[in-house]
N, C-alpha and C. Protein backbone atom coordinates (compact mmCIF):
# COMPACT_ATOMS: atom_id res chain seq x y z
N MET A 1 0.84 -1.19 0.00
CA MET A 1 0.00 0.00 0.00
C MET A 1 0.88 1.24 0.00
N ALA A 2 0.57 2.20 -0.83
CA ALA A 2 1.35 3.43 -0.91
C ALA A 2 0.87 4.43 0.14
N ASN A 3 1.83 5.06 0.80
CA ASN A 3 1.53 6.08 1.80
C ASN A 3 2.08 7.41 1.31
N LYS A 4 1.51 8.51 1.80
CA LYS A 4 2.01 9.83 1.46
C LYS A 4 2.97 10.30 2.53
N ASN A 5 4.09 10.91 2.08
CA ASN A 5 5.02 11.48 3.05
C ASN A 5 4.59 12.89 3.39
N LYS A 6 5.42 13.60 4.18
CA LYS A 6 5.06 14.95 4.62
C LYS A 6 4.90 15.94 3.48
N ASN A 7 5.49 15.65 2.30
CA ASN A 7 5.37 16.52 1.14
C ASN A 7 4.19 16.17 0.25
N GLY A 8 3.43 15.14 0.64
CA GLY A 8 2.29 14.72 -0.16
C GLY A 8 2.68 13.78 -1.29
N CYS A 9 3.93 13.31 -1.29
CA CYS A 9 4.41 12.40 -2.33
C CYS A 9 4.08 10.97 -1.94
N LEU A 10 3.85 10.14 -2.95
CA LEU A 10 3.55 8.75 -2.69
C LEU A 10 4.81 7.98 -2.36
N ALA A 11 4.75 7.12 -1.38
CA ALA A 11 5.88 6.28 -0.98
C ALA A 11 5.38 4.85 -0.91
N ALA A 12 5.96 3.99 -1.74
CA ALA A 12 5.55 2.59 -1.79
C ALA A 12 6.39 1.76 -0.84
N GLY A 13 5.75 0.90 -0.07
CA GLY A 13 6.46 0.03 0.84
C GLY A 13 7.30 0.76 1.87
N GLY A 14 6.89 1.96 2.22
CA GLY A 14 7.64 2.74 3.20
C GLY A 14 8.85 3.44 2.64
N LYS A 15 9.14 3.25 1.36
CA LYS A 15 10.30 3.88 0.73
C LYS A 15 9.84 5.05 -0.14
N ASN A 16 10.45 6.20 0.05
CA ASN A 16 10.15 7.35 -0.81
C ASN A 16 11.09 7.29 -2.00
N THR A 17 10.60 6.81 -3.12
CA THR A 17 11.43 6.64 -4.31
C THR A 17 11.31 7.82 -5.25
N GLY A 18 10.67 8.86 -4.84
CA GLY A 18 10.47 10.04 -5.68
C GLY A 18 9.12 10.62 -5.38
N CYS A 19 8.76 11.61 -6.17
CA CYS A 19 7.50 12.26 -5.93
C CYS A 19 6.67 12.24 -7.21
N CYS A 20 5.51 11.69 -7.12
CA CYS A 20 4.60 11.61 -8.25
C CYS A 20 3.39 12.48 -7.93
N LYS A 21 3.19 13.54 -8.72
CA LYS A 21 2.05 14.42 -8.46
C LYS A 21 1.57 15.05 -9.75
N VAL A 22 0.37 15.56 -9.73
CA VAL A 22 -0.18 16.27 -10.88
C VAL A 22 0.44 17.66 -10.91
N GLU A 23 1.18 17.95 -11.95
CA GLU A 23 1.85 19.25 -12.08
C GLU A 23 0.93 20.29 -12.71
N SER A 24 0.18 19.88 -13.72
CA SER A 24 -0.72 20.81 -14.39
C SER A 24 -1.67 20.03 -15.28
N LEU A 25 -2.70 20.68 -15.73
CA LEU A 25 -3.62 20.12 -16.72
C LEU A 25 -3.37 20.88 -18.02
N ILE A 26 -3.23 20.14 -19.10
CA ILE A 26 -3.00 20.78 -20.40
C ILE A 26 -4.08 20.33 -21.37
N SER A 27 -4.29 21.13 -22.38
CA SER A 27 -5.30 20.83 -23.41
C SER A 27 -4.62 20.38 -24.69
N VAL A 28 -5.34 19.59 -25.45
CA VAL A 28 -4.89 19.15 -26.77
C VAL A 28 -5.73 19.90 -27.79
N ASP A 29 -5.07 20.57 -28.75
CA ASP A 29 -5.84 21.31 -29.74
C ASP A 29 -6.29 20.40 -30.88
N GLU A 30 -6.98 20.96 -31.83
CA GLU A 30 -7.56 20.17 -32.92
C GLU A 30 -6.51 19.48 -33.79
N ARG A 31 -5.26 19.97 -33.74
CA ARG A 31 -4.17 19.34 -34.50
C ARG A 31 -3.40 18.33 -33.65
N GLY A 32 -3.84 18.11 -32.41
CA GLY A 32 -3.18 17.14 -31.54
C GLY A 32 -1.98 17.71 -30.80
N GLN A 33 -1.81 19.02 -30.82
CA GLN A 33 -0.67 19.64 -30.17
C GLN A 33 -0.99 20.03 -28.73
N MET A 34 0.06 20.00 -27.89
CA MET A 34 -0.06 20.37 -26.49
C MET A 34 1.07 21.33 -26.15
N VAL A 35 0.85 22.13 -25.14
CA VAL A 35 1.90 23.04 -24.67
C VAL A 35 2.17 22.73 -23.20
N LEU A 36 3.45 22.48 -22.89
CA LEU A 36 3.83 22.31 -21.49
C LEU A 36 4.01 23.70 -20.90
N PRO A 37 3.41 23.98 -19.77
CA PRO A 37 3.53 25.31 -19.16
C PRO A 37 4.99 25.68 -18.90
N LYS A 38 5.29 26.97 -19.03
CA LYS A 38 6.65 27.47 -18.86
C LYS A 38 7.23 27.06 -17.51
N GLU A 39 6.44 27.17 -16.43
CA GLU A 39 6.94 26.83 -15.10
C GLU A 39 7.38 25.37 -15.03
N LEU A 40 6.63 24.48 -15.67
CA LEU A 40 6.98 23.06 -15.68
C LEU A 40 8.23 22.82 -16.52
N ARG A 41 8.32 23.48 -17.69
CA ARG A 41 9.53 23.34 -18.53
C ARG A 41 10.76 23.79 -17.77
N GLU A 42 10.63 24.91 -17.05
CA GLU A 42 11.78 25.42 -16.29
C GLU A 42 12.15 24.45 -15.16
N LYS A 43 11.16 23.97 -14.45
CA LYS A 43 11.39 23.05 -13.33
C LYS A 43 12.06 21.76 -13.82
N ALA A 44 11.64 21.28 -14.98
CA ALA A 44 12.18 20.04 -15.54
C ALA A 44 13.41 20.29 -16.42
N LYS A 45 13.81 21.54 -16.54
CA LYS A 45 14.97 21.93 -17.37
C LYS A 45 14.81 21.44 -18.81
N ILE A 46 13.60 21.59 -19.34
CA ILE A 46 13.32 21.25 -20.74
C ILE A 46 13.51 22.51 -21.57
N GLN A 47 14.36 22.40 -22.59
CA GLN A 47 14.66 23.55 -23.43
C GLN A 47 14.30 23.24 -24.88
N ALA A 48 14.20 24.29 -25.68
CA ALA A 48 13.92 24.12 -27.11
C ALA A 48 14.94 23.17 -27.72
N GLY A 49 14.47 22.22 -28.48
CA GLY A 49 15.34 21.25 -29.13
C GLY A 49 15.51 19.95 -28.36
N ASP A 50 15.15 19.93 -27.08
CA ASP A 50 15.24 18.69 -26.30
C ASP A 50 14.28 17.66 -26.88
N LYS A 51 14.69 16.41 -26.80
CA LYS A 51 13.85 15.30 -27.24
C LYS A 51 13.26 14.64 -26.01
N LEU A 52 11.96 14.33 -26.07
CA LEU A 52 11.27 13.66 -24.98
C LEU A 52 10.72 12.33 -25.48
N ALA A 53 10.94 11.29 -24.70
CA ALA A 53 10.36 9.98 -25.02
C ALA A 53 9.01 9.88 -24.32
N VAL A 54 8.02 9.34 -25.00
CA VAL A 54 6.70 9.14 -24.42
C VAL A 54 6.57 7.65 -24.09
N ILE A 55 6.35 7.37 -22.81
CA ILE A 55 6.17 5.99 -22.35
C ILE A 55 4.70 5.84 -21.99
N SER A 56 4.08 4.78 -22.48
CA SER A 56 2.66 4.57 -22.17
C SER A 56 2.45 3.21 -21.53
N TRP A 57 1.42 3.14 -20.71
CA TRP A 57 1.00 1.89 -20.09
C TRP A 57 -0.41 1.60 -20.57
N GLU A 58 -0.66 0.33 -20.86
CA GLU A 58 -1.99 -0.08 -21.28
C GLU A 58 -2.64 -0.94 -20.21
N LYS A 59 -3.93 -0.76 -20.09
CA LYS A 59 -4.73 -1.60 -19.19
C LYS A 59 -5.99 -1.98 -19.95
N GLU A 60 -6.21 -3.25 -20.07
CA GLU A 60 -7.38 -3.77 -20.78
C GLU A 60 -7.48 -3.20 -22.19
N GLY A 61 -6.32 -3.11 -22.86
CA GLY A 61 -6.28 -2.69 -24.25
C GLY A 61 -6.34 -1.19 -24.49
N GLU A 62 -6.39 -0.38 -23.44
CA GLU A 62 -6.43 1.07 -23.60
C GLU A 62 -5.28 1.71 -22.86
N VAL A 63 -4.72 2.78 -23.44
CA VAL A 63 -3.67 3.52 -22.77
C VAL A 63 -4.28 4.23 -21.57
N CYS A 64 -3.73 3.96 -20.40
CA CYS A 64 -4.27 4.58 -19.18
C CYS A 64 -3.32 5.61 -18.58
N CYS A 65 -2.05 5.59 -19.00
CA CYS A 65 -1.07 6.49 -18.40
C CYS A 65 0.05 6.75 -19.39
N MET A 66 0.52 7.99 -19.44
CA MET A 66 1.67 8.35 -20.27
C MET A 66 2.64 9.16 -19.43
N VAL A 67 3.92 8.96 -19.68
CA VAL A 67 4.98 9.66 -18.97
C VAL A 67 5.96 10.21 -20.00
N LEU A 68 6.47 11.41 -19.75
CA LEU A 68 7.50 12.00 -20.59
C LEU A 68 8.84 11.86 -19.89
N ILE A 69 9.87 11.40 -20.62
CA ILE A 69 11.21 11.28 -20.08
C ILE A 69 12.16 11.91 -21.10
N LYS A 70 13.08 12.73 -20.62
CA LYS A 70 14.08 13.28 -21.54
C LYS A 70 14.81 12.11 -22.19
N ALA A 71 14.95 12.17 -23.51
CA ALA A 71 15.58 11.08 -24.25
C ALA A 71 16.99 10.80 -23.74
N GLU A 72 17.70 11.85 -23.34
CA GLU A 72 19.07 11.66 -22.84
C GLU A 72 19.10 10.86 -21.54
N ASN A 73 17.99 10.81 -20.81
CA ASN A 73 17.91 10.07 -19.55
C ASN A 73 17.22 8.71 -19.69
N LEU A 74 16.77 8.41 -20.89
CA LEU A 74 15.97 7.20 -21.09
C LEU A 74 16.74 5.93 -20.76
N ALA A 75 17.97 5.80 -21.24
CA ALA A 75 18.74 4.57 -20.99
C ALA A 75 18.92 4.33 -19.50
N GLU A 76 19.22 5.38 -18.75
CA GLU A 76 19.41 5.24 -17.31
C GLU A 76 18.11 4.83 -16.62
N ARG A 77 16.98 5.40 -17.03
CA ARG A 77 15.68 5.04 -16.44
C ARG A 77 15.35 3.58 -16.74
N VAL A 78 15.64 3.12 -17.96
CA VAL A 78 15.37 1.73 -18.31
C VAL A 78 16.18 0.81 -17.41
N LYS A 79 17.44 1.15 -17.18
CA LYS A 79 18.28 0.34 -16.27
C LYS A 79 17.66 0.32 -14.87
N ASP A 80 17.22 1.49 -14.39
CA ASP A 80 16.61 1.57 -13.06
C ASP A 80 15.36 0.70 -12.97
N PHE A 81 14.53 0.72 -14.02
CA PHE A 81 13.28 -0.03 -14.01
C PHE A 81 13.51 -1.53 -14.18
N LEU A 82 14.37 -1.88 -15.12
CA LEU A 82 14.54 -3.29 -15.47
C LEU A 82 15.64 -4.00 -14.69
N GLY A 83 16.57 -3.26 -14.12
CA GLY A 83 17.68 -3.88 -13.40
C GLY A 83 17.23 -4.87 -12.35
N PRO A 84 16.37 -4.47 -11.42
CA PRO A 84 15.91 -5.43 -10.39
C PRO A 84 15.17 -6.63 -10.99
N VAL A 85 14.41 -6.41 -12.03
CA VAL A 85 13.67 -7.51 -12.67
C VAL A 85 14.65 -8.50 -13.28
N MET A 86 15.64 -7.98 -14.01
CA MET A 86 16.62 -8.85 -14.65
C MET A 86 17.44 -9.61 -13.60
N LYS A 87 17.79 -8.94 -12.51
CA LYS A 87 18.56 -9.59 -11.45
C LYS A 87 17.79 -10.76 -10.88
N ASN A 88 16.49 -10.55 -10.65
CA ASN A 88 15.64 -11.61 -10.10
C ASN A 88 15.49 -12.78 -11.07
N MET A 89 15.47 -12.48 -12.36
CA MET A 89 15.32 -13.54 -13.36
C MET A 89 16.53 -14.48 -13.36
N PHE A 90 17.70 -13.92 -13.16
CA PHE A 90 18.91 -14.73 -13.25
C PHE A 90 19.33 -15.35 -11.91
N THR A 91 18.75 -14.89 -10.81
CA THR A 91 19.10 -15.46 -9.50
C THR A 91 18.04 -16.43 -9.01
N SER A 92 16.93 -16.54 -9.73
CA SER A 92 15.86 -17.44 -9.28
C SER A 92 16.10 -18.85 -9.76
């Protein structure tokens, strides 16, 4: 069960592995374009020309969640996500 810490961030299994929260609501225009608010771009250090990877999760055949990750950080995030899984596969 996930608990919230003093900052309102979710902590799974008693471990605070980061903070997951709603930063803003954005609209999609008729051409499918979205604008990330300036404050969020500054906070995330996203600049013109940066590449973002879109990661999606599906549940029952429908996309239920999407996450943006800077492309330059993607390989490191994949290692973080898959490392424990791969370790368990080879030690079991």
